[in-house]
Amino acid sequence: MRKKIVAGNWKMNTTVPEGVELAKAVVAESGSVPADVKLIVATPFTHLYPVAEAIKGSRVALSAENCADKEKGAYTGEVSAAMLASVGCQYTILGHSERRQYYGETDAKLVDKTRLALACGLDVILCVGENLEEREAGRHFEVCETQIKNVLYNFSEEDMKHIVIAYEPVWAIGTGKTATAEQAEEIHAFIRKTVAEKFGEAVAEETTILYGGSCKPSNAKELFAQKDIDGGLIGGAALKAADFIGIALSF
């Protein structure tokens, strides 16, 4: 059985006190969510330790939003995978479209980040997806295939047990636009097929693939009903506990 996951990516939002209160609110409402749905909060680096304390003993898991591509050393301002593990992170998001777009992250760098994260015991939520220009040019399959092959094809079947894929239609992030359930399912199925070409059907069927494009309580049920959509990587709606939990109740 593939894991069902609803992960909240807070991005560069909330102060530390606000983040702690948000995490506590998620924990308080988490009891209503079915036991087979994994809840994850991904917070800014500054929030990780206090949020880890706030969710301790609950069913909510902690994720970072990124990690460094180096193990340690003179890399001012960077945060290593080992540091993340040491504060209680179980996951890290890598390759988010905003990291690719604004900070020039390449697939080659993501291979290094993924390798270090896995070595430190973290599970990885790897983001792939196309922008509006690529979608309108009909290149969305090509873009996703290239990103998966450039990064995930460097890893083993065993590694894939610790990697979640998040499909981001970049054109739908923060725009209010959402891929239709049919569009989302089509590309999720294609991503699973691309995984199967390298790792086999069994691994592909066990790989969790999340939808990451303006998922809200109002559209989550239709999205999550699709065969190849196993949950969501949630942005804006993750900043309100009621909305985040509402999405998790959509399975």
C-alpha atoms as a PDB file:
ATOM      1  CA  MET A   1       0.000   0.000   0.000  1.00  0.00           C
ATOM      2  CA  ARG A   2       1.286   3.435  -0.935  1.00  0.00           C
ATOM      3  CA  LYS A   3       1.459   5.992   1.844  1.00  0.00           C
ATOM      4  CA  LYS A   4      -1.175   8.704   1.836  1.00  0.00           C
ATOM      5  CA  ILE A   5       0.539  11.971   2.746  1.00  0.00           C
ATOM      6  CA  VAL A   6      -0.598  15.530   3.319  1.00  0.00           C
ATOM      7  CA  ALA A   7       2.442  17.778   3.795  1.00  0.00           C
ATOM      8  CA  GLY A   8       2.230  21.483   4.584  1.00  0.00           C
ATOM      9  CA  ASN A   9       4.989  23.653   3.120  1.00  0.00           C
ATOM     10  CA  TRP A  10       4.961  26.898   5.108  1.00  0.00           C
ATOM     11  CA  LYS A  11       7.560  28.562   2.851  1.00  0.00           C
ATOM     12  CA  MET A  12       8.843  31.900   4.232  1.00  0.00           C
ATOM     13  CA  ASN A  13       5.799  32.541   6.409  1.00  0.00           C
ATOM     14  CA  THR A  14       5.085  32.944  10.144  1.00  0.00           C
ATOM     15  CA  THR A  15       7.350  34.067  12.952  1.00  0.00           C
ATOM     16  CA  VAL A  16       8.597  31.398  15.328  1.00  0.00           C
ATOM     17  CA  PRO A  17       5.818  32.018  17.905  1.00  0.00           C
ATOM     18  CA  GLU A  18       3.197  31.987  15.149  1.00  0.00           C
ATOM     19  CA  GLY A  19       4.648  28.779  13.738  1.00  0.00           C
ATOM     20  CA  VAL A  20       4.584  27.056  17.114  1.00  0.00           C
ATOM     21  CA  GLU A  21       0.929  28.015  17.552  1.00  0.00           C
ATOM     22  CA  LEU A  22       0.109  26.748  14.064  1.00  0.00           C
ATOM     23  CA  ALA A  23       1.861  23.448  14.764  1.00  0.00           C
ATOM     24  CA  LYS A  24      -0.024  23.057  18.050  1.00  0.00           C
ATOM     25  CA  ALA A  25      -3.300  23.733  16.256  1.00  0.00           C
ATOM     26  CA  VAL A  26      -2.517  21.069  13.655  1.00  0.00           C
ATOM     27  CA  VAL A  27      -1.747  18.575  16.418  1.00  0.00           C
ATOM     28  CA  ALA A  28      -4.949  19.482  18.254  1.00  0.00           C
ATOM     29  CA  GLU A  29      -7.071  18.784  15.165  1.00  0.00           C
ATOM     30  CA  SER A  30      -5.108  15.803  13.873  1.00  0.00           C
ATOM     31  CA  GLY A  31      -7.167  13.221  15.760  1.00  0.00           C
ATOM     32  CA  SER A  32      -9.992  13.538  13.236  1.00  0.00           C
ATOM     33  CA  VAL A  33      -7.757  12.482  10.333  1.00  0.00           C
ATOM     34  CA  PRO A  34      -7.803   8.793   9.333  1.00  0.00           C
ATOM     35  CA  ALA A  35      -4.899   6.843  10.812  1.00  0.00           C
ATOM     36  CA  ASP A  36      -3.539   5.861   7.391  1.00  0.00           C
ATOM     37  CA  VAL A  37      -2.942   9.492   6.365  1.00  0.00           C
ATOM     38  CA  LYS A  38       0.531  10.831   7.192  1.00  0.00           C
ATOM     39  CA  LEU A  39       0.598  14.462   8.299  1.00  0.00           C
ATOM     40  CA  ILE A  40       3.788  16.488   7.793  1.00  0.00           C
ATOM     41  CA  VAL A  41       4.617  20.115   8.514  1.00  0.00           C
ATOM     42  CA  ALA A  42       7.570  21.649   6.660  1.00  0.00           C
ATOM     43  CA  THR A  43       8.766  24.787   8.404  1.00  0.00           C
ATOM     44  CA  PRO A  44      11.444  27.446   7.934  1.00  0.00           C
ATOM     45  CA  PHE A  45      14.823  26.505   9.424  1.00  0.00           C
ATOM     46  CA  THR A  46      14.364  28.908  12.351  1.00  0.00           C
ATOM     47  CA  HIS A  47      11.211  27.071  13.424  1.00  0.00           C
ATOM     48  CA  LEU A  48      12.415  23.490  13.298  1.00  0.00           C
ATOM     49  CA  TYR A  49      13.529  22.938  16.872  1.00  0.00           C
ATOM     50  CA  PRO A  50      10.605  24.679  18.643  1.00  0.00           C
ATOM     51  CA  VAL A  51       8.089  23.052  16.286  1.00  0.00           C
ATOM     52  CA  ALA A  52       9.726  19.673  16.913  1.00  0.00           C
ATOM     53  CA  GLU A  53       9.100  20.254  20.615  1.00  0.00           C
ATOM     54  CA  ALA A  54       5.508  21.370  19.968  1.00  0.00           C
ATOM     55  CA  ILE A  55       4.616  18.230  17.970  1.00  0.00           C
ATOM     56  CA  LYS A  56       6.595  15.752  20.084  1.00  0.00           C
ATOM     57  CA  GLY A  57       4.571  12.645  20.852  1.00  0.00           C
ATOM     58  CA  SER A  58       1.954  13.446  18.205  1.00  0.00           C
ATOM     59  CA  ARG A  59       1.262  11.851  14.829  1.00  0.00           C
ATOM     60  CA  VAL A  60       2.564  14.932  12.994  1.00  0.00           C
ATOM     61  CA  ALA A  61       5.996  14.569  11.363  1.00  0.00           C
ATOM     62  CA  LEU A  62       8.524  17.347  10.811  1.00  0.00           C
ATOM     63  CA  SER A  63      10.138  18.338   7.531  1.00  0.00           C
ATOM     64  CA  ALA A  64      12.600  20.992   6.450  1.00  0.00           C
ATOM     65  CA  GLU A  65      11.973  22.991   3.274  1.00  0.00           C
ATOM     66  CA  ASN A  66      15.474  22.435   1.864  1.00  0.00           C
ATOM     67  CA  CYS A  67      18.970  21.311   2.819  1.00  0.00           C
ATOM     68  CA  ALA A  68      22.544  22.013   1.749  1.00  0.00           C
ATOM     69  CA  ASP A  69      24.354  20.100  -0.980  1.00  0.00           C
ATOM     70  CA  LYS A  70      27.468  19.813   1.211  1.00  0.00           C
ATOM     71  CA  GLU A  71      28.033  17.616   4.252  1.00  0.00           C
ATOM     72  CA  LYS A  72      29.688  20.318   6.401  1.00  0.00           C
ATOM     73  CA  GLY A  73      32.332  23.023   6.253  1.00  0.00           C
ATOM     74  CA  ALA A  74      32.795  26.694   5.402  1.00  0.00           C
ATOM     75  CA  TYR A  75      29.420  27.293   3.747  1.00  0.00           C
ATOM     76  CA  THR A  76      28.064  30.324   5.556  1.00  0.00           C
ATOM     77  CA  GLY A  77      24.293  30.404   5.829  1.00  0.00           C
ATOM     78  CA  GLU A  78      23.739  26.795   4.760  1.00  0.00           C
ATOM     79  CA  VAL A  79      22.014  24.086   6.808  1.00  0.00           C
ATOM     80  CA  SER A  80      23.159  20.495   6.409  1.00  0.00           C
ATOM     81  CA  ALA A  81      21.102  17.317   6.341  1.00  0.00           C
ATOM     82  CA  ALA A  82      22.843  16.156   9.520  1.00  0.00           C
ATOM     83  CA  MET A  83      21.765  19.358  11.272  1.00  0.00           C
ATOM     84  CA  LEU A  84      18.169  18.747  10.200  1.00  0.00           C
ATOM     85  CA  ALA A  85      18.226  15.191  11.492  1.00  0.00           C
ATOM     86  CA  SER A  86      19.684  16.375  14.782  1.00  0.00           C
ATOM     87  CA  VAL A  87      16.655  18.582  15.530  1.00  0.00           C
ATOM     88  CA  GLY A  88      14.136  15.862  14.788  1.00  0.00           C
ATOM     89  CA  CYS A  89      13.372  16.228  11.079  1.00  0.00           C
ATOM     90  CA  GLN A  90      12.117  13.102   9.379  1.00  0.00           C
ATOM     91  CA  TYR A  91      11.791  14.651   5.922  1.00  0.00           C
ATOM     92  CA  THR A  92      13.154  17.430   3.742  1.00  0.00           C
ATOM     93  CA  ILE A  93      11.625  18.972   0.638  1.00  0.00           C
ATOM     94  CA  LEU A  94      14.089  19.204  -2.257  1.00  0.00           C
ATOM     95  CA  GLY A  95      13.840  20.740  -5.711  1.00  0.00           C
ATOM     96  CA  HIS A  96      10.830  22.918  -5.039  1.00  0.00           C
ATOM     97  CA  SER A  97      10.022  25.020  -8.093  1.00  0.00           C
ATOM     98  CA  GLU A  98      10.777  28.190  -6.135  1.00  0.00           C
ATOM     99  CA  ARG A  99      14.266  26.892  -5.340  1.00  0.00           C
ATOM    100  CA  ARG A 100      14.788  26.025  -8.998  1.00  0.00           C
ATOM    101  CA  GLN A 101      13.380  29.347 -10.256  1.00  0.00           C
ATOM    102  CA  TYR A 102      14.790  31.872  -7.776  1.00  0.00           C
ATOM    103  CA  TYR A 103      17.993  30.168  -6.631  1.00  0.00           C
ATOM    104  CA  GLY A 104      19.109  28.323  -9.728  1.00  0.00           C
ATOM    105  CA  GLU A 105      19.008  24.830  -8.255  1.00  0.00           C
ATOM    106  CA  THR A 106      19.982  22.257 -10.847  1.00  0.00           C
ATOM    107  CA  ASP A 107      19.178  18.572 -11.113  1.00  0.00           C
ATOM    108  CA  ALA A 108      22.869  17.824 -10.500  1.00  0.00           C
ATOM    109  CA  LYS A 109      22.768  19.717  -7.221  1.00  0.00           C
ATOM    110  CA  LEU A 110      19.589  17.868  -6.254  1.00  0.00           C
ATOM    111  CA  VAL A 111      21.362  14.546  -6.699  1.00  0.00           C
ATOM    112  CA  ASP A 112      23.948  15.670  -4.119  1.00  0.00           C
ATOM    113  CA  LYS A 113      21.269  16.976  -1.751  1.00  0.00           C
ATOM    114  CA  THR A 114      19.200  13.814  -2.035  1.00  0.00           C
ATOM    115  CA  ARG A 115      22.207  11.600  -1.423  1.00  0.00           C
ATOM    116  CA  LEU A 116      23.189  13.528   1.716  1.00  0.00           C
ATOM    117  CA  ALA A 117      19.623  13.618   3.043  1.00  0.00           C
ATOM    118  CA  LEU A 118      19.191   9.861   2.632  1.00  0.00           C
ATOM    119  CA  ALA A 119      22.589   9.210   4.242  1.00  0.00           C
ATOM    120  CA  CYS A 120      21.432  11.172   7.301  1.00  0.00           C
ATOM    121  CA  GLY A 121      18.243   9.148   7.641  1.00  0.00           C
ATOM    122  CA  LEU A 122      15.887  11.724   6.157  1.00  0.00           C
ATOM    123  CA  ASP A 123      13.133  10.874   3.704  1.00  0.00           C
ATOM    124  CA  VAL A 124      13.030  13.175   0.684  1.00  0.00           C
ATOM    125  CA  ILE A 125      10.047  14.888  -0.919  1.00  0.00           C
ATOM    126  CA  LEU A 126      11.398  15.583  -4.405  1.00  0.00           C
ATOM    127  CA  CYS A 127       9.503  18.156  -6.468  1.00  0.00           C
ATOM    128  CA  VAL A 128       9.139  18.013 -10.235  1.00  0.00           C
ATOM    129  CA  GLY A 129       6.944  19.980 -12.606  1.00  0.00           C
ATOM    130  CA  GLU A 130       6.596  22.353 -15.524  1.00  0.00           C
ATOM    131  CA  ASN A 131       6.042  26.096 -15.780  1.00  0.00           C
ATOM    132  CA  LEU A 132       3.301  27.811 -17.810  1.00  0.00           C
ATOM    133  CA  GLU A 133       5.425  28.254 -20.928  1.00  0.00           C
ATOM    134  CA  GLU A 134       6.379  24.568 -20.901  1.00  0.00           C
ATOM    135  CA  ARG A 135       2.782  23.486 -20.308  1.00  0.00           C
ATOM    136  CA  GLU A 136       1.457  25.642 -23.158  1.00  0.00           C
ATOM    137  CA  ALA A 137       4.172  24.268 -25.449  1.00  0.00           C
ATOM    138  CA  GLY A 138       3.051  20.726 -24.647  1.00  0.00           C
ATOM    139  CA  ARG A 139       6.378  19.913 -22.987  1.00  0.00           C
ATOM    140  CA  HIS A 140       5.044  18.971 -19.540  1.00  0.00           C
ATOM    141  CA  PHE A 141       5.690  15.254 -19.966  1.00  0.00           C
ATOM    142  CA  GLU A 142       9.190  15.891 -21.288  1.00  0.00           C
ATOM    143  CA  VAL A 143      10.072  18.273 -18.432  1.00  0.00           C
ATOM    144  CA  CYS A 144       8.891  15.900 -15.709  1.00  0.00           C
ATOM    145  CA  GLU A 145      10.565  12.911 -17.347  1.00  0.00           C
ATOM    146  CA  THR A 146      13.879  14.762 -17.621  1.00  0.00           C
ATOM    147  CA  GLN A 147      13.803  15.905 -13.980  1.00  0.00           C
ATOM    148  CA  ILE A 148      13.024  12.385 -12.747  1.00  0.00           C
ATOM    149  CA  LYS A 149      15.686  10.745 -14.892  1.00  0.00           C
ATOM    150  CA  ASN A 150      18.333  13.348 -14.019  1.00  0.00           C
ATOM    151  CA  VAL A 151      17.784  12.925 -10.280  1.00  0.00           C
ATOM    152  CA  LEU A 152      16.042   9.696  -9.293  1.00  0.00           C
ATOM    153  CA  TYR A 153      17.722   7.435 -11.842  1.00  0.00           C
ATOM    154  CA  ASN A 154      20.918   7.949  -9.807  1.00  0.00           C
ATOM    155  CA  PHE A 155      19.430   6.078  -6.861  1.00  0.00           C
ATOM    156  CA  SER A 156      18.556   2.484  -5.981  1.00  0.00           C
ATOM    157  CA  GLU A 157      15.321   0.595  -5.424  1.00  0.00           C
ATOM    158  CA  GLU A 158      16.108   0.673  -1.707  1.00  0.00           C
ATOM    159  CA  ASP A 159      16.575   4.456  -1.819  1.00  0.00           C
ATOM    160  CA  MET A 160      13.176   4.819  -3.488  1.00  0.00           C
ATOM    161  CA  LYS A 161      11.511   3.535  -0.311  1.00  0.00           C
ATOM    162  CA  HIS A 162      12.579   6.838   1.253  1.00  0.00           C
ATOM    163  CA  ILE A 163      11.666   9.174  -1.614  1.00  0.00           C
ATOM    164  CA  VAL A 164       8.283  10.796  -2.199  1.00  0.00           C
ATOM    165  CA  ILE A 165       7.634  12.628  -5.474  1.00  0.00           C
ATOM    166  CA  ALA A 166       5.622  15.842  -5.509  1.00  0.00           C
ATOM    167  CA  TYR A 167       4.280  16.996  -8.859  1.00  0.00           C
ATOM    168  CA  GLU A 168       4.035  20.783  -9.063  1.00  0.00           C
ATOM    169  CA  PRO A 169       2.283  22.417 -11.980  1.00  0.00           C
ATOM    170  CA  VAL A 170       4.321  25.592 -11.461  1.00  0.00           C
ATOM    171  CA  TRP A 171       1.675  27.597 -13.303  1.00  0.00           C
ATOM    172  CA  ALA A 172      -0.818  26.702 -10.545  1.00  0.00           C
ATOM    173  CA  ILE A 173       1.277  27.686  -7.511  1.00  0.00           C
ATOM    174  CA  GLY A 174      -0.014  30.791  -5.797  1.00  0.00           C
ATOM    175  CA  THR A 175      -2.036  31.754  -8.873  1.00  0.00           C
ATOM    176  CA  GLY A 176      -5.356  30.332  -7.768  1.00  0.00           C
ATOM    177  CA  LYS A 177      -5.292  28.109 -10.861  1.00  0.00           C
ATOM    178  CA  THR A 178      -5.503  24.383 -10.372  1.00  0.00           C
ATOM    179  CA  ALA A 179      -4.939  21.552 -12.772  1.00  0.00           C
ATOM    180  CA  THR A 180      -8.154  19.667 -13.353  1.00  0.00           C
ATOM    181  CA  ALA A 181      -8.330  16.291 -11.661  1.00  0.00           C
ATOM    182  CA  GLU A 182      -7.962  14.704 -15.104  1.00  0.00           C
ATOM    183  CA  GLN A 183      -4.859  16.776 -15.949  1.00  0.00           C
ATOM    184  CA  ALA A 184      -3.318  15.966 -12.590  1.00  0.00           C
ATOM    185  CA  GLU A 185      -4.053  12.248 -12.871  1.00  0.00           C
ATOM    186  CA  GLU A 186      -2.648  12.118 -16.397  1.00  0.00           C
ATOM    187  CA  ILE A 187       0.738  13.436 -15.350  1.00  0.00           C
ATOM    188  CA  HIS A 188       0.846  11.517 -12.065  1.00  0.00           C
ATOM    189  CA  ALA A 189       0.292   8.308 -14.043  1.00  0.00           C
ATOM    190  CA  PHE A 190       3.058   9.353 -16.444  1.00  0.00           C
ATOM    191  CA  ILE A 191       5.438   9.997 -13.519  1.00  0.00           C
ATOM    192  CA  ARG A 192       4.666   6.554 -12.112  1.00  0.00           C
ATOM    193  CA  LYS A 193       5.328   5.032 -15.541  1.00  0.00           C
ATOM    194  CA  THR A 194       8.678   6.851 -15.706  1.00  0.00           C
ATOM    195  CA  VAL A 195       9.625   5.461 -12.295  1.00  0.00           C
ATOM    196  CA  ALA A 196       8.597   1.961 -13.436  1.00  0.00           C
ATOM    197  CA  GLU A 197      10.856   2.163 -16.498  1.00  0.00           C
ATOM    198  CA  LYS A 198      13.899   2.337 -14.223  1.00  0.00           C
ATOM    199  CA  PHE A 199      12.866   0.557 -11.046  1.00  0.00           C
ATOM    200  CA  GLY A 200      10.080  -1.793 -12.149  1.00  0.00           C
ATOM    201  CA  GLU A 201       6.329  -1.872 -11.600  1.00  0.00           C
ATOM    202  CA  ALA A 202       6.522  -2.996  -7.981  1.00  0.00           C
ATOM    203  CA  VAL A 203       8.640   0.001  -6.911  1.00  0.00           C
ATOM    204  CA  ALA A 204       6.506   2.382  -8.964  1.00  0.00           C
ATOM    205  CA  GLU A 205       3.339   1.102  -7.325  1.00  0.00           C
ATOM    206  CA  GLU A 206       4.861   1.680  -3.885  1.00  0.00           C
ATOM    207  CA  THR A 207       6.063   5.223  -4.666  1.00  0.00           C
ATOM    208  CA  THR A 208       3.920   7.993  -3.187  1.00  0.00           C
ATOM    209  CA  ILE A 209       3.228  10.848  -5.622  1.00  0.00           C
ATOM    210  CA  LEU A 210       1.728  14.057  -4.255  1.00  0.00           C
ATOM    211  CA  TYR A 211      -0.086  16.853  -6.051  1.00  0.00           C
ATOM    212  CA  GLY A 212       1.387  20.275  -5.316  1.00  0.00           C
ATOM    213  CA  GLY A 213      -0.610  22.952  -7.114  1.00  0.00           C
ATOM    214  CA  SER A 214      -3.062  25.104  -5.133  1.00  0.00           C
ATOM    215  CA  CYS A 215      -4.712  22.184  -3.386  1.00  0.00           C
ATOM    216  CA  LYS A 216      -7.530  23.351  -1.092  1.00  0.00           C
ATOM    217  CA  PRO A 217     -10.320  21.730   0.963  1.00  0.00           C
ATOM    218  CA  SER A 218     -12.685  22.551  -1.905  1.00  0.00           C
ATOM    219  CA  ASN A 219     -10.804  20.552  -4.562  1.00  0.00           C
ATOM    220  CA  ALA A 220      -8.798  17.995  -2.577  1.00  0.00           C
ATOM    221  CA  LYS A 221     -11.485  15.308  -2.578  1.00  0.00           C
ATOM    222  CA  GLU A 222     -11.705  15.190  -6.368  1.00  0.00           C
ATOM    223  CA  LEU A 223      -7.914  15.207  -6.712  1.00  0.00           C
ATOM    224  CA  PHE A 224      -7.322  12.530  -4.074  1.00  0.00           C
ATOM    225  CA  ALA A 225      -9.947  10.271  -5.677  1.00  0.00           C
ATOM    226  CA  GLN A 226      -7.647   9.804  -8.675  1.00  0.00           C
ATOM    227  CA  LYS A 227      -5.820   6.483  -8.946  1.00  0.00           C
ATOM    228  CA  ASP A 228      -2.269   7.874  -8.976  1.00  0.00           C
ATOM    229  CA  ILE A 229      -2.611  10.867  -6.632  1.00  0.00           C
ATOM    230  CA  ASP A 230      -1.584   9.875  -3.118  1.00  0.00           C
ATOM    231  CA  GLY A 231      -1.987  13.195  -1.316  1.00  0.00           C
ATOM    232  CA  GLY A 232      -0.807  16.756  -1.481  1.00  0.00           C
ATOM    233  CA  LEU A 233       2.095  19.110  -0.910  1.00  0.00           C
ATOM    234  CA  ILE A 234       0.126  22.057   0.410  1.00  0.00           C
ATOM    235  CA  GLY A 235       1.236  25.694   0.285  1.00  0.00           C
ATOM    236  CA  GLY A 236      -1.081  28.544   1.271  1.00  0.00           C
ATOM    237  CA  ALA A 237      -3.777  26.304   2.735  1.00  0.00           C
ATOM    238  CA  ALA A 238      -1.227  24.845   5.162  1.00  0.00           C
ATOM    239  CA  LEU A 239      -1.026  28.179   7.000  1.00  0.00           C
ATOM    240  CA  LYS A 240      -4.458  27.611   8.551  1.00  0.00           C
ATOM    241  CA  ALA A 241      -4.815  24.468  10.627  1.00  0.00           C
ATOM    242  CA  ALA A 242      -8.507  24.057   9.759  1.00  0.00           C
ATOM    243  CA  ASP A 243      -7.791  24.173   6.013  1.00  0.00           C
ATOM    244  CA  PHE A 244      -4.816  21.844   6.295  1.00  0.00           C
ATOM    245  CA  ILE A 245      -6.801  19.305   8.291  1.00  0.00           C
ATOM    246  CA  GLY A 246      -9.755  19.775   5.941  1.00  0.00           C
ATOM    247  CA  ILE A 247      -7.544  18.676   3.064  1.00  0.00           C
ATOM    248  CA  ALA A 248      -6.352  15.652   5.037  1.00  0.00           C
ATOM    249  CA  LEU A 249      -9.999  14.684   5.630  1.00  0.00           C
ATOM    250  CA  SER A 250     -10.582  14.568   1.869  1.00  0.00           C
ATOM    251  CA  PHE A 251      -9.421  10.965   1.377  1.00  0.00           C
END
